[in-house]
Structures are given as C-alpha cells and as structure tokens.
N, C-alpha and C. Protein backbone atom coordinates (compact mmCIF):
# COMPACT_ATOMS: atom_id res chain seq x y z
N UNK A 1 0.85 -1.17 0.00
CA UNK A 1 0.00 0.00 0.00
C UNK A 1 0.90 1.24 0.00
N UNK A 2 0.56 2.21 -0.84
CA UNK A 2 1.37 3.43 -0.95
C UNK A 2 1.20 4.29 0.30
N UNK A 3 2.13 5.21 0.49
CA UNK A 3 2.11 6.14 1.61
C UNK A 3 0.81 6.96 1.62
N UNK A 4 0.40 7.43 0.44
CA UNK A 4 -0.83 8.25 0.37
C UNK A 4 -2.06 7.38 0.59
N UNK A 5 -2.07 6.16 0.08
CA UNK A 5 -3.20 5.26 0.35
C UNK A 5 -3.33 5.00 1.85
N UNK A 6 -2.21 4.84 2.55
CA UNK A 6 -2.23 4.65 4.00
C UNK A 6 -2.81 5.89 4.69
N UNK A 7 -2.42 7.06 4.20
CA UNK A 7 -2.92 8.32 4.78
C UNK A 7 -4.44 8.42 4.59
N UNK A 8 -4.91 8.09 3.39
CA UNK A 8 -6.35 8.11 3.13
C UNK A 8 -7.08 7.16 4.08
N UNK A 9 -6.53 5.99 4.28
CA UNK A 9 -7.14 5.02 5.19
C UNK A 9 -7.18 5.57 6.62
N UNK A 10 -6.08 6.20 7.06
CA UNK A 10 -6.04 6.79 8.40
C UNK A 10 -7.12 7.87 8.56
N UNK A 11 -7.38 8.61 7.48
CA UNK A 11 -8.38 9.68 7.51
C UNK A 11 -9.80 9.16 7.32
N UNK A 12 -9.94 7.86 7.06
CA UNK A 12 -11.26 7.27 6.85
C UNK A 12 -11.87 7.63 5.51
N UNK A 13 -11.01 7.90 4.53
CA UNK A 13 -11.49 8.29 3.19
C UNK A 13 -11.37 7.10 2.25
N UNK A 14 -12.48 6.72 1.65
CA UNK A 14 -12.51 5.70 0.60
C UNK A 14 -12.73 6.41 -0.72
N UNK A 15 -11.80 6.23 -1.65
CA UNK A 15 -11.93 6.89 -2.94
C UNK A 15 -13.00 6.21 -3.78
N UNK A 16 -13.85 7.00 -4.43
CA UNK A 16 -14.82 6.43 -5.37
C UNK A 16 -14.09 6.07 -6.66
N UNK A 17 -14.76 5.38 -7.58
CA UNK A 17 -14.14 5.18 -8.90
C UNK A 17 -13.84 6.55 -9.52
N UNK A 18 -12.78 6.62 -10.32
CA UNK A 18 -12.44 7.89 -10.98
C UNK A 18 -13.63 8.33 -11.84
N UNK A 19 -14.10 9.56 -11.66
CA UNK A 19 -15.26 10.03 -12.43
C UNK A 19 -14.95 10.14 -13.92
N UNK A 20 -15.93 9.82 -14.73
CA UNK A 20 -15.80 9.96 -16.18
C UNK A 20 -16.22 11.35 -16.61
N UNK A 21 -15.66 11.86 -17.70
CA UNK A 21 -16.08 13.18 -18.19
C UNK A 21 -17.54 13.16 -18.64
N UNK A 22 -18.21 14.32 -18.51
CA UNK A 22 -19.60 14.42 -18.95
C UNK A 22 -19.72 15.30 -20.19
N UNK A 23 -18.62 15.45 -20.92
CA UNK A 23 -18.61 16.28 -22.11
C UNK A 23 -17.51 15.84 -23.04
N UNK A 24 -17.21 16.69 -24.01
CA UNK A 24 -16.21 16.39 -25.04
C UNK A 24 -14.84 16.89 -24.60
N UNK A 25 -14.26 16.21 -23.64
CA UNK A 25 -12.94 16.56 -23.14
C UNK A 25 -12.34 15.32 -22.49
N UNK A 26 -11.06 15.37 -22.18
CA UNK A 26 -10.42 14.29 -21.46
C UNK A 26 -10.29 14.69 -19.99
N UNK A 27 -10.29 13.72 -19.08
CA UNK A 27 -10.26 14.05 -17.66
C UNK A 27 -8.93 14.62 -17.18
N UNK A 28 -7.85 14.28 -17.87
CA UNK A 28 -6.53 14.76 -17.45
C UNK A 28 -5.58 14.76 -18.64
N UNK A 29 -4.67 15.72 -18.62
CA UNK A 29 -3.61 15.78 -19.64
C UNK A 29 -2.30 15.97 -18.91
N UNK A 30 -1.33 15.11 -19.26
CA UNK A 30 0.01 15.27 -18.69
C UNK A 30 0.93 15.80 -19.77
N UNK A 31 1.66 16.83 -19.42
CA UNK A 31 2.70 17.35 -20.29
C UNK A 31 3.94 17.53 -19.42
N UNK A 32 5.00 16.84 -19.76
CA UNK A 32 6.20 16.86 -18.93
C UNK A 32 5.86 16.32 -17.55
N UNK A 33 6.20 17.09 -16.53
CA UNK A 33 5.92 16.64 -15.17
C UNK A 33 4.68 17.31 -14.56
N UNK A 34 3.86 17.92 -15.42
CA UNK A 34 2.62 18.55 -14.93
C UNK A 34 1.40 17.77 -15.40
N UNK A 35 0.49 17.54 -14.47
CA UNK A 35 -0.78 16.88 -14.76
C UNK A 35 -1.89 17.91 -14.57
N UNK A 36 -2.60 18.21 -15.65
CA UNK A 36 -3.73 19.14 -15.63
C UNK A 36 -5.01 18.33 -15.52
N UNK A 37 -5.77 18.57 -14.45
CA UNK A 37 -7.02 17.84 -14.23
C UNK A 37 -8.20 18.74 -14.58
N UNK A 38 -9.09 18.22 -15.42
CA UNK A 38 -10.30 18.96 -15.79
C UNK A 38 -11.15 19.21 -14.55
N UNK A 39 -12.00 20.22 -14.63
CA UNK A 39 -12.86 20.58 -13.52
C UNK A 39 -13.80 19.45 -13.13
N UNK A 40 -14.00 19.33 -11.83
CA UNK A 40 -14.91 18.33 -11.27
C UNK A 40 -15.82 18.98 -10.24
N UNK A 41 -16.96 18.37 -10.05
CA UNK A 41 -17.87 18.77 -8.99
C UNK A 41 -17.90 17.72 -7.91
N UNK A 42 -18.72 17.92 -6.89
CA UNK A 42 -18.76 16.98 -5.77
C UNK A 42 -19.39 15.65 -6.14
N UNK A 43 -19.00 14.62 -5.38
CA UNK A 43 -19.66 13.32 -5.50
C UNK A 43 -21.04 13.40 -4.86
N UNK A 44 -21.67 12.27 -4.69
CA UNK A 44 -22.99 12.24 -4.08
C UNK A 44 -22.90 12.58 -2.60
N UNK A 45 -23.98 13.12 -2.07
CA UNK A 45 -24.06 13.43 -0.64
C UNK A 45 -24.17 12.13 0.16
N UNK A 46 -24.01 12.22 1.46
CA UNK A 46 -24.05 11.04 2.32
C UNK A 46 -25.37 10.27 2.19
N UNK A 47 -26.46 10.99 1.89
CA UNK A 47 -27.76 10.32 1.75
C UNK A 47 -28.01 9.79 0.33
N UNK A 48 -26.99 9.91 -0.54
CA UNK A 48 -27.10 9.41 -1.91
C UNK A 48 -27.64 10.41 -2.90
N UNK A 49 -28.03 11.59 -2.43
CA UNK A 49 -28.57 12.60 -3.34
C UNK A 49 -27.43 13.40 -3.99
N UNK A 50 -27.76 14.01 -5.11
CA UNK A 50 -26.78 14.85 -5.81
C UNK A 50 -26.78 16.25 -5.23
N UNK A 51 -25.63 16.89 -5.27
CA UNK A 51 -25.52 18.29 -4.89
C UNK A 51 -26.09 19.14 -6.02
N UNK A 52 -26.98 20.05 -5.73
CA UNK A 52 -27.51 20.97 -6.73
C UNK A 52 -28.01 22.23 -6.03
N UNK A 53 -27.46 23.37 -6.45
CA UNK A 53 -27.92 24.62 -5.88
C UNK A 53 -26.80 25.60 -5.64
N UNK A 54 -27.20 26.77 -5.20
CA UNK A 54 -26.25 27.87 -4.99
C UNK A 54 -25.85 27.97 -3.51
N UNK A 55 -24.56 28.23 -3.31
CA UNK A 55 -24.08 28.50 -1.96
C UNK A 55 -24.51 29.92 -1.60
N UNK A 56 -25.04 30.08 -0.42
CA UNK A 56 -25.57 31.37 0.00
C UNK A 56 -27.07 31.46 -0.16
N UNK A 57 -27.68 30.48 -0.82
CA UNK A 57 -29.15 30.42 -0.96
C UNK A 57 -29.61 29.02 -0.58
N UNK A 58 -29.20 28.02 -1.37
CA UNK A 58 -29.60 26.64 -1.12
C UNK A 58 -28.70 25.95 -0.09
N UNK A 59 -27.46 26.41 0.01
CA UNK A 59 -26.48 25.83 0.93
C UNK A 59 -25.80 26.92 1.73
N UNK A 60 -25.47 26.59 2.96
CA UNK A 60 -24.68 27.50 3.79
C UNK A 60 -23.22 27.44 3.34
N UNK A 61 -22.42 28.35 3.85
CA UNK A 61 -20.99 28.33 3.56
C UNK A 61 -20.40 26.99 4.02
N UNK A 62 -20.82 26.51 5.19
CA UNK A 62 -20.30 25.25 5.72
C UNK A 62 -20.67 24.07 4.83
N UNK A 63 -21.89 24.07 4.30
CA UNK A 63 -22.29 23.00 3.38
C UNK A 63 -21.51 23.11 2.07
N UNK A 64 -21.25 24.34 1.62
CA UNK A 64 -20.42 24.53 0.43
C UNK A 64 -19.02 24.00 0.66
N UNK A 65 -18.48 24.23 1.85
CA UNK A 65 -17.17 23.71 2.23
C UNK A 65 -17.17 22.18 2.16
N UNK A 66 -18.25 21.56 2.63
CA UNK A 66 -18.40 20.10 2.55
C UNK A 66 -18.43 19.64 1.09
N UNK A 67 -19.12 20.38 0.23
CA UNK A 67 -19.17 20.04 -1.20
C UNK A 67 -17.77 20.16 -1.81
N UNK A 68 -17.01 21.16 -1.40
CA UNK A 68 -15.65 21.32 -1.92
C UNK A 68 -14.76 20.18 -1.46
N UNK A 69 -14.92 19.72 -0.23
CA UNK A 69 -14.15 18.57 0.27
C UNK A 69 -14.51 17.32 -0.55
N UNK A 70 -15.81 17.13 -0.79
CA UNK A 70 -16.26 16.00 -1.61
C UNK A 70 -15.65 16.08 -3.01
N UNK A 71 -15.58 17.28 -3.55
CA UNK A 71 -14.96 17.47 -4.86
C UNK A 71 -13.49 17.10 -4.81
N UNK A 72 -12.80 17.49 -3.74
CA UNK A 72 -11.40 17.14 -3.56
C UNK A 72 -11.18 15.64 -3.55
N UNK A 73 -12.09 14.90 -2.93
CA UNK A 73 -11.99 13.43 -2.92
C UNK A 73 -12.14 12.90 -4.33
N UNK A 74 -13.07 13.45 -5.11
CA UNK A 74 -13.23 13.04 -6.51
C UNK A 74 -11.97 13.36 -7.32
N UNK A 75 -11.35 14.49 -7.03
CA UNK A 75 -10.12 14.88 -7.74
C UNK A 75 -9.00 13.90 -7.41
N UNK A 76 -8.87 13.53 -6.14
CA UNK A 76 -7.83 12.56 -5.76
C UNK A 76 -8.10 11.22 -6.45
N UNK A 77 -9.36 10.82 -6.56
CA UNK A 77 -9.70 9.58 -7.27
C UNK A 77 -9.29 9.67 -8.74
N UNK A 78 -9.51 10.84 -9.34
CA UNK A 78 -9.11 11.03 -10.73
C UNK A 78 -7.59 10.99 -10.86
N UNK A 79 -6.87 11.61 -9.92
CA UNK A 79 -5.40 11.54 -9.92
C UNK A 79 -4.95 10.09 -9.89
N UNK A 80 -5.53 9.33 -8.97
CA UNK A 80 -5.13 7.93 -8.84
C UNK A 80 -5.47 7.15 -10.10
N UNK A 81 -6.62 7.42 -10.67
CA UNK A 81 -7.01 6.74 -11.91
C UNK A 81 -6.04 7.03 -13.04
N UNK A 82 -5.51 8.23 -13.07
CA UNK A 82 -4.59 8.61 -14.15
C UNK A 82 -3.16 8.16 -13.86
N UNK A 83 -2.72 8.32 -12.62
CA UNK A 83 -1.33 8.02 -12.27
C UNK A 83 -1.11 6.58 -11.81
N UNK A 84 -2.17 5.96 -11.28
CA UNK A 84 -2.02 4.61 -10.75
C UNK A 84 -1.52 4.60 -9.32
N UNK A 85 -0.65 5.52 -8.96
CA UNK A 85 -0.03 5.57 -7.64
C UNK A 85 0.02 7.02 -7.17
N UNK A 86 -0.67 7.33 -6.09
CA UNK A 86 -0.72 8.70 -5.59
C UNK A 86 0.61 9.18 -5.03
N UNK A 87 1.53 8.27 -4.75
CA UNK A 87 2.85 8.68 -4.30
C UNK A 87 3.63 9.39 -5.42
N UNK A 88 3.13 9.35 -6.64
CA UNK A 88 3.76 10.08 -7.75
C UNK A 88 3.46 11.58 -7.69
N UNK A 89 2.51 11.98 -6.84
CA UNK A 89 2.19 13.40 -6.69
C UNK A 89 3.33 14.06 -5.91
N UNK A 90 4.06 14.94 -6.60
CA UNK A 90 5.17 15.65 -5.95
C UNK A 90 4.67 16.93 -5.29
N UNK A 91 3.73 17.62 -5.96
CA UNK A 91 3.24 18.90 -5.44
C UNK A 91 1.90 19.23 -6.09
N UNK A 92 0.91 19.59 -5.28
CA UNK A 92 -0.29 20.21 -5.82
C UNK A 92 0.11 21.66 -6.07
N UNK A 93 0.09 22.07 -7.34
CA UNK A 93 0.64 23.37 -7.73
C UNK A 93 -0.42 24.46 -7.66
N UNK A 94 -1.59 24.22 -8.26
CA UNK A 94 -2.60 25.27 -8.41
C UNK A 94 -3.98 24.66 -8.31
N UNK A 95 -4.85 25.32 -7.58
CA UNK A 95 -6.26 24.95 -7.48
C UNK A 95 -7.09 26.15 -7.95
N UNK A 96 -8.03 25.90 -8.84
CA UNK A 96 -8.97 26.92 -9.30
C UNK A 96 -10.35 26.48 -8.84
N UNK A 97 -10.90 27.20 -7.85
CA UNK A 97 -12.20 26.85 -7.29
C UNK A 97 -13.27 27.82 -7.73
N UNK A 98 -14.35 27.27 -8.25
CA UNK A 98 -15.49 28.07 -8.70
C UNK A 98 -16.69 27.71 -7.84
N UNK A 99 -17.37 28.71 -7.33
CA UNK A 99 -18.51 28.50 -6.44
C UNK A 99 -19.76 29.06 -7.09
N UNK A 100 -20.77 28.24 -7.22
CA UNK A 100 -22.08 28.64 -7.73
C UNK A 100 -22.71 29.49 -6.62
N UNK A 101 -22.61 30.80 -6.77
CA UNK A 101 -22.90 31.72 -5.67
C UNK A 101 -24.22 32.46 -5.85
N UNK A 102 -24.96 32.56 -4.74
CA UNK A 102 -26.15 33.41 -4.72
C UNK A 102 -25.70 34.86 -4.77
N UNK A 103 -26.55 35.76 -5.29
CA UNK A 103 -26.19 37.18 -5.29
C UNK A 103 -25.81 37.64 -3.88
N UNK A 104 -24.70 38.35 -3.80
CA UNK A 104 -24.24 38.88 -2.53
C UNK A 104 -23.37 37.93 -1.72
N UNK A 105 -23.30 36.66 -2.10
CA UNK A 105 -22.44 35.72 -1.37
C UNK A 105 -20.99 36.03 -1.70
N UNK A 106 -20.15 36.19 -0.67
CA UNK A 106 -18.76 36.58 -0.92
C UNK A 106 -17.75 35.77 -0.12
N UNK A 107 -18.10 34.56 0.27
CA UNK A 107 -17.21 33.72 1.07
C UNK A 107 -16.64 32.55 0.27
N UNK A 108 -16.39 32.77 -1.02
CA UNK A 108 -15.87 31.72 -1.88
C UNK A 108 -14.58 31.10 -1.34
N UNK A 109 -13.61 31.90 -0.84
CA UNK A 109 -12.40 31.27 -0.30
C UNK A 109 -12.68 30.29 0.84
N UNK A 110 -13.62 30.61 1.72
CA UNK A 110 -13.96 29.72 2.83
C UNK A 110 -14.59 28.43 2.32
N UNK A 111 -15.35 28.51 1.23
CA UNK A 111 -15.94 27.31 0.63
C UNK A 111 -14.83 26.42 0.06
N UNK A 112 -13.95 26.98 -0.74
CA UNK A 112 -12.91 26.19 -1.41
C UNK A 112 -11.87 25.66 -0.42
N UNK A 113 -11.82 26.24 0.78
CA UNK A 113 -10.95 25.68 1.83
C UNK A 113 -11.25 24.21 2.08
N UNK A 114 -12.48 23.77 1.82
CA UNK A 114 -12.81 22.36 2.00
C UNK A 114 -11.92 21.46 1.18
N UNK A 115 -11.61 21.86 -0.03
CA UNK A 115 -10.71 21.10 -0.90
C UNK A 115 -9.26 21.35 -0.51
N UNK A 116 -8.89 22.60 -0.29
CA UNK A 116 -7.51 22.94 0.05
C UNK A 116 -7.07 22.24 1.34
N UNK A 117 -7.93 22.26 2.35
CA UNK A 117 -7.59 21.61 3.62
C UNK A 117 -7.43 20.10 3.43
N UNK A 118 -8.29 19.50 2.61
CA UNK A 118 -8.18 18.07 2.32
C UNK A 118 -6.83 17.75 1.69
N UNK A 119 -6.42 18.53 0.69
CA UNK A 119 -5.14 18.26 0.02
C UNK A 119 -3.99 18.35 1.01
N UNK A 120 -4.03 19.31 1.93
CA UNK A 120 -2.98 19.43 2.95
C UNK A 120 -3.01 18.23 3.90
N UNK A 121 -4.20 17.75 4.27
CA UNK A 121 -4.32 16.57 5.13
C UNK A 121 -3.74 15.34 4.46
N UNK A 122 -4.06 15.16 3.19
CA UNK A 122 -3.68 13.95 2.47
C UNK A 122 -2.22 13.98 2.03
N UNK A 123 -1.78 15.09 1.43
CA UNK A 123 -0.45 15.15 0.84
C UNK A 123 0.57 15.89 1.71
N UNK A 124 0.17 16.39 2.86
CA UNK A 124 1.09 17.13 3.72
C UNK A 124 1.53 18.42 3.05
N UNK A 125 2.77 18.79 3.22
CA UNK A 125 3.30 20.03 2.65
C UNK A 125 3.14 20.05 1.13
N UNK A 126 3.21 18.89 0.48
CA UNK A 126 3.04 18.80 -0.98
C UNK A 126 1.61 19.13 -1.40
N UNK A 127 0.69 19.17 -0.46
CA UNK A 127 -0.70 19.51 -0.78
C UNK A 127 -0.99 21.00 -0.71
N UNK A 128 -0.05 21.78 -0.19
CA UNK A 128 -0.24 23.24 -0.11
C UNK A 128 0.01 23.83 -1.49
N UNK A 129 -0.82 24.76 -1.91
CA UNK A 129 -0.85 25.18 -3.31
C UNK A 129 -1.23 26.64 -3.47
N UNK A 130 -0.96 27.16 -4.66
CA UNK A 130 -1.51 28.45 -5.06
C UNK A 130 -2.98 28.22 -5.40
N UNK A 131 -3.81 29.28 -5.30
CA UNK A 131 -5.24 29.06 -5.49
C UNK A 131 -5.97 30.31 -5.89
N UNK A 132 -7.05 30.10 -6.65
CA UNK A 132 -8.05 31.12 -6.90
C UNK A 132 -9.39 30.56 -6.45
N UNK A 133 -10.24 31.41 -5.91
CA UNK A 133 -11.59 31.02 -5.51
C UNK A 133 -12.53 32.13 -5.95
N UNK A 134 -13.41 31.82 -6.88
CA UNK A 134 -14.27 32.84 -7.48
C UNK A 134 -15.73 32.42 -7.46
N UNK A 135 -16.60 33.41 -7.50
CA UNK A 135 -18.03 33.17 -7.57
C UNK A 135 -18.49 33.13 -9.02
N UNK A 136 -19.46 32.28 -9.27
CA UNK A 136 -20.04 32.13 -10.60
C UNK A 136 -21.56 32.27 -10.50
N UNK A 137 -22.17 32.76 -11.57
CA UNK A 137 -23.62 32.88 -11.62
C UNK A 137 -24.29 31.52 -11.76
N UNK A 138 -23.57 30.54 -12.26
CA UNK A 138 -24.09 29.19 -12.43
C UNK A 138 -22.98 28.25 -12.80
N UNK A 139 -23.19 26.96 -12.55
CA UNK A 139 -22.24 25.92 -12.92
C UNK A 139 -23.00 24.76 -13.56
N UNK A 140 -22.33 23.89 -14.32
CA UNK A 140 -23.01 22.79 -15.00
C UNK A 140 -23.84 21.94 -14.03
N UNK A 141 -25.02 21.57 -14.46
CA UNK A 141 -25.94 20.74 -13.67
C UNK A 141 -26.25 21.35 -12.31
N UNK A 142 -26.05 22.66 -12.18
CA UNK A 142 -26.35 23.41 -10.96
C UNK A 142 -25.52 22.96 -9.76
N UNK A 143 -24.32 22.34 -10.00
CA UNK A 143 -23.48 21.93 -8.88
C UNK A 143 -23.01 23.16 -8.11
N UNK A 144 -22.81 23.02 -6.79
CA UNK A 144 -22.42 24.18 -6.00
C UNK A 144 -20.96 24.58 -6.15
N UNK A 145 -20.08 23.64 -6.50
CA UNK A 145 -18.67 23.97 -6.71
C UNK A 145 -18.11 23.16 -7.87
N UNK A 146 -17.14 23.73 -8.55
CA UNK A 146 -16.34 23.02 -9.54
C UNK A 146 -14.90 23.42 -9.30
N UNK A 147 -14.02 22.43 -9.31
CA UNK A 147 -12.61 22.69 -9.01
C UNK A 147 -11.74 22.01 -10.05
N UNK A 148 -10.74 22.75 -10.53
CA UNK A 148 -9.72 22.17 -11.41
C UNK A 148 -8.36 22.32 -10.75
N UNK A 149 -7.44 21.42 -11.09
CA UNK A 149 -6.17 21.34 -10.38
C UNK A 149 -5.02 21.09 -11.34
N UNK A 150 -3.86 21.65 -11.02
CA UNK A 150 -2.60 21.34 -11.69
C UNK A 150 -1.69 20.71 -10.66
N UNK A 151 -1.12 19.55 -11.00
CA UNK A 151 -0.28 18.79 -10.08
C UNK A 151 1.06 18.50 -10.73
N UNK A 152 2.14 18.66 -9.97
CA UNK A 152 3.46 18.23 -10.41
C UNK A 152 3.62 16.77 -10.01
N UNK A 153 4.07 15.95 -10.96
CA UNK A 153 4.22 14.50 -10.70
C UNK A 153 5.65 14.08 -10.99
N UNK A 154 6.00 12.94 -10.40
CA UNK A 154 7.31 12.35 -10.67
C UNK A 154 7.12 10.86 -10.83
N UNK A 155 7.95 10.27 -11.69
CA UNK A 155 7.85 8.82 -11.92
C UNK A 155 8.86 8.08 -11.08
C-alpha cells in the first residue's frame, strides 16, 4: 500500500471510482511533469442525493465547504485513476475553485478551503498550493462547486 493510500485510510477516506467526463474533453492531460485535471464537482451526498444549488441560498458556507471537500476526494480519485499511484504526486501546484454563488455571497475562499484543507491533510506540505476562488452565476448541472487542479508529478 502506498504512503498516500495509507494516509487516506487513516483519515477514513474511501476513494470512489475515478469520475468519467460528462462532455467532449479528457479528464486529465500530462505534459512533462505537470498533470492538468479537468474541472470536477462533488460526488454524491451522504444520503445518496446529488448536490444541486447555490451556496448562500440553497447551501450555507459550511455546506459549500463540505461540497468542496467532496470534490477534492473526486479529484484525488481522478489523480489515482490517471497516475495509478498517488505517491507520484510531488506537489499540488494550483487549485482553481469556482462557487455557484447566490447574489451577494462573498465567502468563496472559505468554501474552497474544504478542498484545500483536504489536500494538505492527504499530501502534507506537498498539498499546499496556489489558489483562486471565485463566484459564478451558475455551474453545470447546478453543482455548488467546480474545481480544477494542476499537479506536479514524478515517476
């Protein structure tokens, strides 16, 4: 078992199958030692329902943070699906977090912290990254967050 797989187990995180794209794109592209991951939304909620709605109207900031953490788990699953071994992740370089925001909602960074904090928990110092967190008028399928990531990898 890899070091990162052991860490996930310690945290009680079970990775879902790597999500498939829902459009005309590939889930990840590697060029040199950089892996660009297409944007993802959260997995299913604990009760099996899908996330749908705006943070600041349908969801609180804390629930948005939970959706961002769920999205981070999906991203890690996609990394593993592409790399095979999460120990190949040398550094999470950049996170771009988009929040489906109600008018007047301005706590996007606190929402995307759900993903950022997860990456730091799982990858340690290598999980700390540069980041943008922005509000959007809408996101595909009305998901509350979408996150894309750039990761430095090593073989």
